[in-house]
C-alpha atoms as a PDB file:
ATOM      1  CA  UNK A   1      83.799  88.905 102.736  1.00  0.00           C
ATOM      2  CA  UNK A   2      84.836  86.806  99.921  1.00  0.00           C
ATOM      3  CA  UNK A   3      87.441  87.721  97.478  1.00  0.00           C
ATOM      4  CA  UNK A   4      89.667  85.766  93.817  1.00  0.00           C
ATOM      5  CA  UNK A   5      92.538  87.190  93.183  1.00  0.00           C
ATOM      6  CA  UNK A   6      93.517  85.884  89.439  1.00  0.00           C
ATOM      7  CA  UNK A   7      97.396  86.419  89.724  1.00  0.00           C
ATOM      8  CA  UNK A   8     100.834  84.660  88.628  1.00  0.00           C
ATOM      9  CA  UNK A   9     101.980  81.491  91.015  1.00  0.00           C
ATOM     10  CA  UNK A  10     105.559  80.833  91.857  1.00  0.00           C
ATOM     11  CA  UNK A  11     108.218  80.832  94.342  1.00  0.00           C
ATOM     12  CA  UNK A  12     110.619  83.927  95.721  1.00  0.00           C
ATOM     13  CA  UNK A  13     114.412  82.571  96.588  1.00  0.00           C
ATOM     14  CA  UNK A  14     115.189  84.979  98.668  1.00  0.00           C
ATOM     15  CA  UNK A  15     118.671  86.148  98.970  1.00  0.00           C
ATOM     16  CA  UNK A  16     119.024  88.626 102.006  1.00  0.00           C
ATOM     17  CA  UNK A  17     121.522  91.667 103.006  1.00  0.00           C
ATOM     18  CA  UNK A  18     123.902  91.968 100.614  1.00  0.00           C
ATOM     19  CA  UNK A  19     127.719  92.745 101.238  1.00  0.00           C
ATOM     20  CA  UNK A  20     127.812  94.772  98.117  1.00  0.00           C
ATOM     21  CA  UNK A  21     125.070  94.436  95.166  1.00  0.00           C
ATOM     22  CA  UNK A  22     126.193  92.011  92.321  1.00  0.00           C
ATOM     23  CA  UNK A  23     127.736  93.340  89.124  1.00  0.00           C
ATOM     24  CA  UNK A  24     128.807  91.554  86.218  1.00  0.00           C
ATOM     25  CA  UNK A  25     131.937  89.516  86.910  1.00  0.00           C
ATOM     26  CA  UNK A  26     131.612  89.419  90.613  1.00  0.00           C
ATOM     27  CA  UNK A  27     130.772  87.068  93.182  1.00  0.00           C
ATOM     28  CA  UNK A  28     128.674  88.802  96.566  1.00  0.00           C
ATOM     29  CA  UNK A  29     127.744  87.300  99.231  1.00  0.00           C
ATOM     30  CA  UNK A  30     124.432  87.166 101.710  1.00  0.00           C
ATOM     31  CA  UNK A  31     123.494  87.097 104.663  1.00  0.00           C
ATOM     32  CA  UNK A  32     120.636  84.583 104.517  1.00  0.00           C
ATOM     33  CA  UNK A  33     118.313  82.645 102.315  1.00  0.00           C
ATOM     34  CA  UNK A  34     114.965  81.398 102.247  1.00  0.00           C
ATOM     35  CA  UNK A  35     113.015  79.907  99.766  1.00  0.00           C
ATOM     36  CA  UNK A  36     109.331  80.882  99.943  1.00  0.00           C
ATOM     37  CA  UNK A  37     105.538  81.625  97.970  1.00  0.00           C
ATOM     38  CA  UNK A  38     106.654  84.908  95.650  1.00  0.00           C
ATOM     39  CA  UNK A  39     104.053  86.413  93.513  1.00  0.00           C
ATOM     40  CA  UNK A  40     102.190  89.982  94.172  1.00  0.00           C
ATOM     41  CA  UNK A  41      98.795  88.275  93.753  1.00  0.00           C
ATOM     42  CA  UNK A  42      99.476  85.137  95.836  1.00  0.00           C
ATOM     43  CA  UNK A  43     101.379  87.391  98.618  1.00  0.00           C
ATOM     44  CA  UNK A  44      97.783  89.591  98.450  1.00  0.00           C
ATOM     45  CA  UNK A  45      95.688  87.087  98.316  1.00  0.00           C
ATOM     46  CA  UNK A  46      97.815  85.488 102.118  1.00  0.00           C
ATOM     47  CA  UNK A  47      97.208  89.045 104.095  1.00  0.00           C
ATOM     48  CA  UNK A  48      93.319  89.084 103.100  1.00  0.00           C
ATOM     49  CA  UNK A  49      93.086  85.348 104.551  1.00  0.00           C
ATOM     50  CA  UNK A  50      95.372  86.368 107.272  1.00  0.00           C
ATOM     51  CA  UNK A  51      92.789  89.494 108.017  1.00  0.00           C
ATOM     52  CA  UNK A  52      90.115  87.091 108.429  1.00  0.00           C
ATOM     53  CA  UNK A  53      88.494  87.332 104.578  1.00  0.00           C
ATOM     54  CA  UNK A  54      87.625  83.850 102.661  1.00  0.00           C
ATOM     55  CA  UNK A  55      89.943  83.757  99.122  1.00  0.00           C
ATOM     56  CA  UNK A  56      90.256  81.889  96.596  1.00  0.00           C
ATOM     57  CA  UNK A  57      92.537  81.687  94.180  1.00  0.00           C
ATOM     58  CA  UNK A  58      93.123  80.985  89.931  1.00  0.00           C
ATOM     59  CA  UNK A  59      96.415  80.791  88.020  1.00  0.00           C
ATOM     60  CA  UNK A  60      98.387  78.627  86.573  1.00  0.00           C
ATOM     61  CA  UNK A  61     101.606  76.305  86.586  1.00  0.00           C
ATOM     62  CA  UNK A  62     103.246  74.071  84.977  1.00  0.00           C
ATOM     63  CA  UNK A  63     103.340  69.991  86.603  1.00  0.00           C
ATOM     64  CA  UNK A  64     106.627  70.176  88.380  1.00  0.00           C
ATOM     65  CA  UNK A  65     107.533  70.006  92.429  1.00  0.00           C
ATOM     66  CA  UNK A  66     108.004  73.956  92.401  1.00  0.00           C
ATOM     67  CA  UNK A  67     104.009  73.872  91.335  1.00  0.00           C
ATOM     68  CA  UNK A  68     103.401  71.179  94.220  1.00  0.00           C
ATOM     69  CA  UNK A  69     105.601  73.737  96.959  1.00  0.00           C
ATOM     70  CA  UNK A  70     103.121  76.768  95.637  1.00  0.00           C
ATOM     71  CA  UNK A  71     100.300  74.972  96.428  1.00  0.00           C
ATOM     72  CA  UNK A  72     101.473  73.618  99.382  1.00  0.00           C
ATOM     73  CA  UNK A  73     101.986  76.929 100.369  1.00  0.00           C
ATOM     74  CA  UNK A  74      98.793  78.526  99.121  1.00  0.00           C
ATOM     75  CA  UNK A  75      97.231  75.903 101.844  1.00  0.00           C
ATOM     76  CA  UNK A  76      99.054  76.363 104.766  1.00  0.00           C
ATOM     77  CA  UNK A  77      98.100  80.618 104.556  1.00  0.00           C
ATOM     78  CA  UNK A  78      94.979  79.618 104.157  1.00  0.00           C
ATOM     79  CA  UNK A  79      93.413  80.336 100.398  1.00  0.00           C
ATOM     80  CA  UNK A  80      91.585  77.883  98.563  1.00  0.00           C
ATOM     81  CA  UNK A  81      93.385  76.406  94.859  1.00  0.00           C
ATOM     82  CA  UNK A  82      90.589  74.636  93.720  1.00  0.00           C
ATOM     83  CA  UNK A  83      90.591  77.052  91.002  1.00  0.00           C
ATOM     84  CA  UNK A  84      94.764  76.738  90.314  1.00  0.00           C
ATOM     85  CA  UNK A  85      95.529  75.009  86.702  1.00  0.00           C
ATOM     86  CA  UNK A  86      97.990  72.631  85.696  1.00  0.00           C
ATOM     87  CA  UNK A  87     100.035  72.704  82.502  1.00  0.00           C
ATOM     88  CA  UNK A  88     102.250  70.116  81.442  1.00  0.00           C
ATOM     89  CA  UNK A  89     103.300  72.301  78.432  1.00  0.00           C
ATOM     90  CA  UNK A  90     105.165  75.445  80.920  1.00  0.00           C
ATOM     91  CA  UNK A  91     107.307  75.338  84.052  1.00  0.00           C
ATOM     92  CA  UNK A  92     106.364  76.835  87.464  1.00  0.00           C
ATOM     93  CA  UNK A  93     107.975  80.713  87.305  1.00  0.00           C
ATOM     94  CA  UNK A  94     110.560  81.595  89.731  1.00  0.00           C
ATOM     95  CA  UNK A  95     111.614  84.842  91.086  1.00  0.00           C
ATOM     96  CA  UNK A  96     115.246  85.250  92.657  1.00  0.00           C
ATOM     97  CA  UNK A  97     114.688  88.237  95.472  1.00  0.00           C
ATOM     98  CA  UNK A  98     118.348  90.432  96.533  1.00  0.00           C
ATOM     99  CA  UNK A  99     117.139  91.972  99.196  1.00  0.00           C
ATOM    100  CA  UNK A 100     117.648  94.596 101.755  1.00  0.00           C
ATOM    101  CA  UNK A 101     115.738  96.584 104.111  1.00  0.00           C
ATOM    102  CA  UNK A 102     115.540  99.261 102.553  1.00  0.00           C
ATOM    103  CA  UNK A 103     115.017  97.678  98.928  1.00  0.00           C
ATOM    104  CA  UNK A 104     115.049  95.317  96.427  1.00  0.00           C
ATOM    105  CA  UNK A 105     116.252  93.607  93.255  1.00  0.00           C
ATOM    106  CA  UNK A 106     113.972  90.678  90.943  1.00  0.00           C
ATOM    107  CA  UNK A 107     114.729  88.158  88.434  1.00  0.00           C
ATOM    108  CA  UNK A 108     111.735  86.807  87.821  1.00  0.00           C
ATOM    109  CA  UNK A 109     111.073  83.292  84.787  1.00  0.00           C
ATOM    110  CA  UNK A 110     107.722  83.714  84.254  1.00  0.00           C
ATOM    111  CA  UNK A 111     107.071  79.792  82.643  1.00  0.00           C
ATOM    112  CA  UNK A 112     103.407  79.718  83.527  1.00  0.00           C
ATOM    113  CA  UNK A 113     102.703  83.028  84.659  1.00  0.00           C
ATOM    114  CA  UNK A 114     102.448  84.261  81.325  1.00  0.00           C
ATOM    115  CA  UNK A 115     100.343  81.510  80.485  1.00  0.00           C
ATOM    116  CA  UNK A 116      97.323  82.197  82.252  1.00  0.00           C
ATOM    117  CA  UNK A 117      94.199  83.302  80.217  1.00  0.00           C
ATOM    118  CA  UNK A 118      91.030  85.387  80.684  1.00  0.00           C
ATOM    119  CA  UNK A 119      88.723  82.507  80.264  1.00  0.00           C
ATOM    120  CA  UNK A 120      90.501  80.274  82.092  1.00  0.00           C
ATOM    121  CA  UNK A 121      89.586  82.667  85.092  1.00  0.00           C
ATOM    122  CA  UNK A 122      85.937  83.352  83.815  1.00  0.00           C
ATOM    123  CA  UNK A 123      85.250  79.427  82.867  1.00  0.00           C
ATOM    124  CA  UNK A 124      84.852  78.900  87.144  1.00  0.00           C
ATOM    125  CA  UNK A 125      82.325  81.431  87.302  1.00  0.00           C
ATOM    126  CA  UNK A 126      82.071  84.100  89.600  1.00  0.00           C
ATOM    127  CA  UNK A 127      78.791  82.755  92.012  1.00  0.00           C
ATOM    128  CA  UNK A 128      79.362  83.861  95.749  1.00  0.00           C
ATOM    129  CA  UNK A 129      81.988  86.172  94.870  1.00  0.00           C
ATOM    130  CA  UNK A 130      82.431  89.737  96.427  1.00  0.00           C
ATOM    131  CA  UNK A 131      85.678  91.005  94.714  1.00  0.00           C
ATOM    132  CA  UNK A 132      87.834  90.274  92.267  1.00  0.00           C
ATOM    133  CA  UNK A 133      91.770  91.555  92.606  1.00  0.00           C
ATOM    134  CA  UNK A 134      94.398  90.870  89.581  1.00  0.00           C
ATOM    135  CA  UNK A 135      98.093  91.558  89.705  1.00  0.00           C
ATOM    136  CA  UNK A 136     100.983  91.889  87.878  1.00  0.00           C
ATOM    137  CA  UNK A 137      99.160  92.625  84.390  1.00  0.00           C
ATOM    138  CA  UNK A 138     102.576  92.802  82.363  1.00  0.00           C
ATOM    139  CA  UNK A 139     104.368  88.979  83.783  1.00  0.00           C
ATOM    140  CA  UNK A 140     100.517  87.509  82.976  1.00  0.00           C
ATOM    141  CA  UNK A 141     100.622  88.016  78.947  1.00  0.00           C
ATOM    142  CA  UNK A 142      98.387  86.175  77.857  1.00  0.00           C
ATOM    143  CA  UNK A 143      95.899  87.537  80.658  1.00  0.00           C
ATOM    144  CA  UNK A 144      95.830  90.997  79.458  1.00  0.00           C
ATOM    145  CA  UNK A 145      94.745  91.264  76.269  1.00  0.00           C
ATOM    146  CA  UNK A 146      91.079  89.502  77.242  1.00  0.00           C
ATOM    147  CA  UNK A 147      91.568  91.520  80.909  1.00  0.00           C
ATOM    148  CA  UNK A 148      89.140  94.676  80.682  1.00  0.00           C
ATOM    149  CA  UNK A 149      85.891  91.868  79.356  1.00  0.00           C
ATOM    150  CA  UNK A 150      87.168  89.566  82.153  1.00  0.00           C
ATOM    151  CA  UNK A 151      86.429  92.646  84.190  1.00  0.00           C
ATOM    152  CA  UNK A 152      83.306  93.685  82.713  1.00  0.00           C
ATOM    153  CA  UNK A 153      81.621  90.304  83.264  1.00  0.00           C
ATOM    154  CA  UNK A 154      83.105  90.161  87.327  1.00  0.00           C
ATOM    155  CA  UNK A 155      81.534  93.453  87.964  1.00  0.00           C
ATOM    156  CA  UNK A 156      78.023  92.400  85.858  1.00  0.00           C
ATOM    157  CA  UNK A 157      77.608  89.914  87.816  1.00  0.00           C
ATOM    158  CA  UNK A 158      78.177  92.307  91.043  1.00  0.00           C
ATOM    159  CA  UNK A 159      81.423  92.156  92.071  1.00  0.00           C
ATOM    160  CA  UNK A 160      83.778  94.766  92.748  1.00  0.00           C
ATOM    161  CA  UNK A 161      87.025  95.052  91.071  1.00  0.00           C
ATOM    162  CA  UNK A 162      90.704  95.930  91.515  1.00  0.00           C
ATOM    163  CA  UNK A 163      94.003  95.771  89.524  1.00  0.00           C
ATOM    164  CA  UNK A 164      97.734  96.101  91.098  1.00  0.00           C
ATOM    165  CA  UNK A 165      99.787  96.168  87.734  1.00  0.00           C
ATOM    166  CA  UNK A 166     103.108  95.357  88.770  1.00  0.00           C
ATOM    167  CA  UNK A 167     106.103  96.873  87.195  1.00  0.00           C
ATOM    168  CA  UNK A 168     106.748  96.505  83.304  1.00  0.00           C
ATOM    169  CA  UNK A 169     109.769  94.849  82.668  1.00  0.00           C
ATOM    170  CA  UNK A 170     109.713  95.984  79.149  1.00  0.00           C
ATOM    171  CA  UNK A 171     109.199  99.761  80.400  1.00  0.00           C
ATOM    172  CA  UNK A 172     106.330 100.102  77.401  1.00  0.00           C
ATOM    173  CA  UNK A 173     103.408 100.085  79.883  1.00  0.00           C
ATOM    174  CA  UNK A 174     100.853 100.501  77.194  1.00  0.00           C
ATOM    175  CA  UNK A 175      97.701 102.917  77.066  1.00  0.00           C
ATOM    176  CA  UNK A 176      95.225  99.431  77.336  1.00  0.00           C
ATOM    177  CA  UNK A 177      96.464  99.913  81.262  1.00  0.00           C
ATOM    178  CA  UNK A 178      94.333 103.579  81.043  1.00  0.00           C
ATOM    179  CA  UNK A 179      91.777 102.090  79.186  1.00  0.00           C
ATOM    180  CA  UNK A 180      90.756  99.021  81.209  1.00  0.00           C
ATOM    181  CA  UNK A 181      90.571 101.358  84.583  1.00  0.00           C
ATOM    182  CA  UNK A 182      87.060 102.035  83.253  1.00  0.00           C
ATOM    183  CA  UNK A 183      85.972  98.280  84.210  1.00  0.00           C
ATOM    184  CA  UNK A 184      88.192  99.152  87.804  1.00  0.00           C
ATOM    185  CA  UNK A 185      87.089  99.634  90.867  1.00  0.00           C
ATOM    186  CA  UNK A 186      90.363 100.260  93.007  1.00  0.00           C
ATOM    187  CA  UNK A 187      93.265 100.945  91.018  1.00  0.00           C
ATOM    188  CA  UNK A 188      96.955 100.238  93.289  1.00  0.00           C
ATOM    189  CA  UNK A 189     100.338 101.246  91.687  1.00  0.00           C
ATOM    190  CA  UNK A 190     103.348 101.796  93.288  1.00  0.00           C
ATOM    191  CA  UNK A 191     105.247 105.365  92.526  1.00  0.00           C
ATOM    192  CA  UNK A 192     107.452 103.619  90.210  1.00  0.00           C
ATOM    193  CA  UNK A 193     104.092 102.386  88.053  1.00  0.00           C
ATOM    194  CA  UNK A 194     102.331 105.483  88.397  1.00  0.00           C
ATOM    195  CA  UNK A 195     104.884 107.408  86.704  1.00  0.00           C
ATOM    196  CA  UNK A 196     105.571 105.116  83.940  1.00  0.00           C
ATOM    197  CA  UNK A 197     101.633 104.542  83.361  1.00  0.00           C
ATOM    198  CA  UNK A 198     101.367 108.505  83.131  1.00  0.00           C
ATOM    199  CA  UNK A 199     104.479 109.929  81.929  1.00  0.00           C
ATOM    200  CA  UNK A 200     103.765 112.133  85.603  1.00  0.00           C
ATOM    201  CA  UNK A 201     106.551 111.904  87.849  1.00  0.00           C
ATOM    202  CA  UNK A 202     104.581 114.066  90.150  1.00  0.00           C
ATOM    203  CA  UNK A 203     102.102 111.471  92.377  1.00  0.00           C
ATOM    204  CA  UNK A 204      98.956 114.181  92.508  1.00  0.00           C
ATOM    205  CA  UNK A 205      99.571 115.448  88.680  1.00  0.00           C
ATOM    206  CA  UNK A 206      99.659 111.154  88.533  1.00  0.00           C
ATOM    207  CA  UNK A 207      96.868 110.726  90.211  1.00  0.00           C
ATOM    208  CA  UNK A 208      95.085 114.077  88.988  1.00  0.00           C
ATOM    209  CA  UNK A 209      95.591 112.201  84.840  1.00  0.00           C
ATOM    210  CA  UNK A 210      93.841 109.401  86.002  1.00  0.00           C
ATOM    211  CA  UNK A 211      90.902 110.229  87.293  1.00  0.00           C
ATOM    212  CA  UNK A 212      87.625 109.494  85.073  1.00  0.00           C
ATOM    213  CA  UNK A 213      84.855 109.609  87.561  1.00  0.00           C
ATOM    214  CA  UNK A 214      84.888 106.309  88.839  1.00  0.00           C
ATOM    215  CA  UNK A 215      88.096 104.116  89.720  1.00  0.00           C
ATOM    216  CA  UNK A 216      89.550 105.322  93.093  1.00  0.00           C
ATOM    217  CA  UNK A 217      93.552 105.071  92.049  1.00  0.00           C
ATOM    218  CA  UNK A 218      95.579 104.735  95.455  1.00  0.00           C
ATOM    219  CA  UNK A 219      99.905 105.744  94.688  1.00  0.00           C
ATOM    220  CA  UNK A 220     101.884 103.899  97.513  1.00  0.00           C
ATOM    221  CA  UNK A 221     105.303 105.886  97.968  1.00  0.00           C
ATOM    222  CA  UNK A 222     107.088 104.131  99.788  1.00  0.00           C
ATOM    223  CA  UNK A 223     108.679 105.380 102.490  1.00  0.00           C
ATOM    224  CA  UNK A 224     106.085 108.413 101.985  1.00  0.00           C
ATOM    225  CA  UNK A 225     103.472 106.511 102.828  1.00  0.00           C
ATOM    226  CA  UNK A 226     100.202 106.364 100.201  1.00  0.00           C
ATOM    227  CA  UNK A 227      98.415 109.010  98.678  1.00  0.00           C
ATOM    228  CA  UNK A 228      95.003 109.032  96.715  1.00  0.00           C
ATOM    229  CA  UNK A 229      92.179 112.243  95.720  1.00  0.00           C
ATOM    230  CA  UNK A 230      88.877 112.356  97.545  1.00  0.00           C
ATOM    231  CA  UNK A 231      86.436 114.462  96.613  1.00  0.00           C
ATOM    232  CA  UNK A 232      89.277 116.119  94.377  1.00  0.00           C
ATOM    233  CA  UNK A 233      91.380 117.310  97.497  1.00  0.00           C
ATOM    234  CA  UNK A 234      94.999 115.344  98.272  1.00  0.00           C
ATOM    235  CA  UNK A 235      94.687 112.357 100.486  1.00  0.00           C
ATOM    236  CA  UNK A 236      97.731 111.210 102.037  1.00  0.00           C
ATOM    237  CA  UNK A 237      98.640 108.423 105.195  1.00  0.00           C
ATOM    238  CA  UNK A 238     102.153 108.741 106.231  1.00  0.00           C
ATOM    239  CA  UNK A 239     104.453 105.715 106.294  1.00  0.00           C
ATOM    240  CA  UNK A 240     105.112 103.998 109.776  1.00  0.00           C
ATOM    241  CA  UNK A 241     107.989 103.988 111.488  1.00  0.00           C
ATOM    242  CA  UNK A 242     109.272  99.832 112.091  1.00  0.00           C
ATOM    243  CA  UNK A 243     113.088  98.585 112.091  1.00  0.00           C
ATOM    244  CA  UNK A 244     112.112  96.400 108.127  1.00  0.00           C
ATOM    245  CA  UNK A 245     113.554  93.371 107.718  1.00  0.00           C
ATOM    246  CA  UNK A 246     112.520  92.519 103.789  1.00  0.00           C
ATOM    247  CA  UNK A 247     110.463  94.417 102.667  1.00  0.00           C
ATOM    248  CA  UNK A 248     109.838  91.742  99.826  1.00  0.00           C
ATOM    249  CA  UNK A 249     105.619  92.094  99.473  1.00  0.00           C
ATOM    250  CA  UNK A 250     104.954  95.019 101.857  1.00  0.00           C
ATOM    251  CA  UNK A 251     102.752  96.466  98.590  1.00  0.00           C
ATOM    252  CA  UNK A 252     101.296  93.102  98.361  1.00  0.00           C
ATOM    253  CA  UNK A 253     100.150  93.382 101.888  1.00  0.00           C
ATOM    254  CA  UNK A 254      98.769  96.646 101.767  1.00  0.00           C
ATOM    255  CA  UNK A 255      96.711  96.278  98.984  1.00  0.00           C
ATOM    256  CA  UNK A 256      95.208  93.284 101.192  1.00  0.00           C
ATOM    257  CA  UNK A 257      94.749  95.258 104.221  1.00  0.00           C
ATOM    258  CA  UNK A 258      93.214  98.229 101.905  1.00  0.00           C
ATOM    259  CA  UNK A 259      90.828  95.805  99.859  1.00  0.00           C
ATOM    260  CA  UNK A 260      89.801  94.648 103.281  1.00  0.00           C
ATOM    261  CA  UNK A 261      88.966  97.984 104.938  1.00  0.00           C
ATOM    262  CA  UNK A 262      87.382  99.111 101.548  1.00  0.00           C
ATOM    263  CA  UNK A 263      85.459  96.693 100.895  1.00  0.00           C
ATOM    264  CA  UNK A 264      83.825  97.149 104.755  1.00  0.00           C
ATOM    265  CA  UNK A 265      83.344 100.273 103.848  1.00  0.00           C
ATOM    266  CA  UNK A 266      85.786 102.014 105.867  1.00  0.00           C
ATOM    267  CA  UNK A 267      85.948 105.930 105.306  1.00  0.00           C
ATOM    268  CA  UNK A 268      89.290 106.459 102.691  1.00  0.00           C
ATOM    269  CA  UNK A 269      91.124 107.617 105.396  1.00  0.00           C
ATOM    270  CA  UNK A 270      91.329 104.641 107.447  1.00  0.00           C
ATOM    271  CA  UNK A 271      92.004 102.285 104.762  1.00  0.00           C
ATOM    272  CA  UNK A 272      94.388 104.021 103.828  1.00  0.00           C
ATOM    273  CA  UNK A 273      95.812 103.718 107.618  1.00  0.00           C
ATOM    274  CA  UNK A 274      94.894 100.551 107.756  1.00  0.00           C
ATOM    275  CA  UNK A 275      96.741  99.497 104.336  1.00  0.00           C
ATOM    276  CA  UNK A 276     100.140 101.125 105.836  1.00  0.00           C
ATOM    277  CA  UNK A 277     100.086  99.031 108.792  1.00  0.00           C
ATOM    278  CA  UNK A 278      99.228  96.100 106.795  1.00  0.00           C
ATOM    279  CA  UNK A 279     102.822  96.667 104.504  1.00  0.00           C
ATOM    280  CA  UNK A 280     104.727  98.137 107.559  1.00  0.00           C
ATOM    281  CA  UNK A 281     103.997  94.781 109.865  1.00  0.00           C
ATOM    282  CA  UNK A 282     105.139  92.319 106.594  1.00  0.00           C
ATOM    283  CA  UNK A 283     108.377  94.097 106.422  1.00  0.00           C
ATOM    284  CA  UNK A 284     109.245  92.504 109.928  1.00  0.00           C
ATOM    285  CA  UNK A 285     110.099  88.690 108.792  1.00  0.00           C
ATOM    286  CA  UNK A 286     111.811  87.145 105.797  1.00  0.00           C
ATOM    287  CA  UNK A 287     109.377  87.244 102.577  1.00  0.00           C
ATOM    288  CA  UNK A 288     106.496  88.323 101.615  1.00  0.00           C
ATOM    289  CA  UNK A 289     103.421  86.219 103.931  1.00  0.00           C
ATOM    290  CA  UNK A 290     105.820  85.245 107.404  1.00  0.00           C
ATOM    291  CA  UNK A 291     104.746  88.327 108.913  1.00  0.00           C
ATOM    292  CA  UNK A 292     101.395  89.632 107.616  1.00  0.00           C
ATOM    293  CA  UNK A 293      99.033  91.331 109.633  1.00  0.00           C
ATOM    294  CA  UNK A 294      96.005  90.142 111.893  1.00  0.00           C
ATOM    295  CA  UNK A 295      93.117  93.297 112.133  1.00  0.00           C
ATOM    296  CA  UNK A 296      94.318  92.724 115.798  1.00  0.00           C
ATOM    297  CA  UNK A 297      98.243  93.357 114.826  1.00  0.00           C
ATOM    298  CA  UNK A 298      97.134  96.042 112.087  1.00  0.00           C
ATOM    299  CA  UNK A 299      94.442  98.040 114.258  1.00  0.00           C
ATOM    300  CA  UNK A 300      96.863  98.451 117.072  1.00  0.00           C
ATOM    301  CA  UNK A 301      99.833 100.085 114.811  1.00  0.00           C
ATOM    302  CA  UNK A 302      97.172 102.202 112.556  1.00  0.00           C
ATOM    303  CA  UNK A 303      95.344 103.449 116.189  1.00  0.00           C
ATOM    304  CA  UNK A 304      92.030 102.540 114.693  1.00  0.00           C
ATOM    305  CA  UNK A 305      89.559 100.504 116.725  1.00  0.00           C
ATOM    306  CA  UNK A 306      87.309  99.251 113.901  1.00  0.00           C
ATOM    307  CA  UNK A 307      85.833 101.056 111.123  1.00  0.00           C
ATOM    308  CA  UNK A 308      83.193 103.859 110.884  1.00  0.00           C
ATOM    309  CA  UNK A 309      81.169 102.580 108.003  1.00  0.00           C
ATOM    310  CA  UNK A 310      81.288 105.520 105.293  1.00  0.00           C
END
């Protein structure tokens, strides 16, 4: 299966296990620090590659050492970066992730992430690709205005499409997100994003708000697993009990697992369970890509032996 991931690219500086959460005017200590590949899209791309898919990444970087590091990480993770553009007028972005085993907070400098445009992505064409996944649409500010047209063009070339919206730092969300779902096959928000976009705090009501006759919306609910509507009824998959080390990128690893199974026409219940297993396994190491699941690991944890054609 050949995936194209259109996303933000940055490094993650992960400050692990704080003694107390930082407050203005105070200093706190952490137990460890890691510099690794960040960004929702890159972590999803790495997860898809780990599962055995052919993955290309498209995005924008500056012409600096942080950009060099991002490309080196992608290469090591088996992700093709020949479509990544470099622009000397912008700096490569970075995220500082302050994490604990239960949750994390992030501070991001967007830099080149905000400069990627729809025409940059479409210009390289869609030949030979099966699926387009787009991440963090609120961070990719130059991409968002042309995103619906880009998705429509990808669909016209026979690709299926998916979006992980990511968090809106301005918390404006915007009705255009709902409008662009007309061109989206799979929508993958977490519970905070789902409420922000729909205005509904109850996941089931929020899922019903987004029903449009074509888009499958999968709500990632953290420790409560995930949920989606199937033939009008709510279908849930429970979270797996693991001892998490770092939750960075768990939702993106879920995306990779779910899309891997969904594109292989697995029944929805199995795809949800497989994605949940991939998300859980990714929390067993520091950073989003260090302990992502293989197919065999996800099958073992999920109790699946293979996907039955839907």
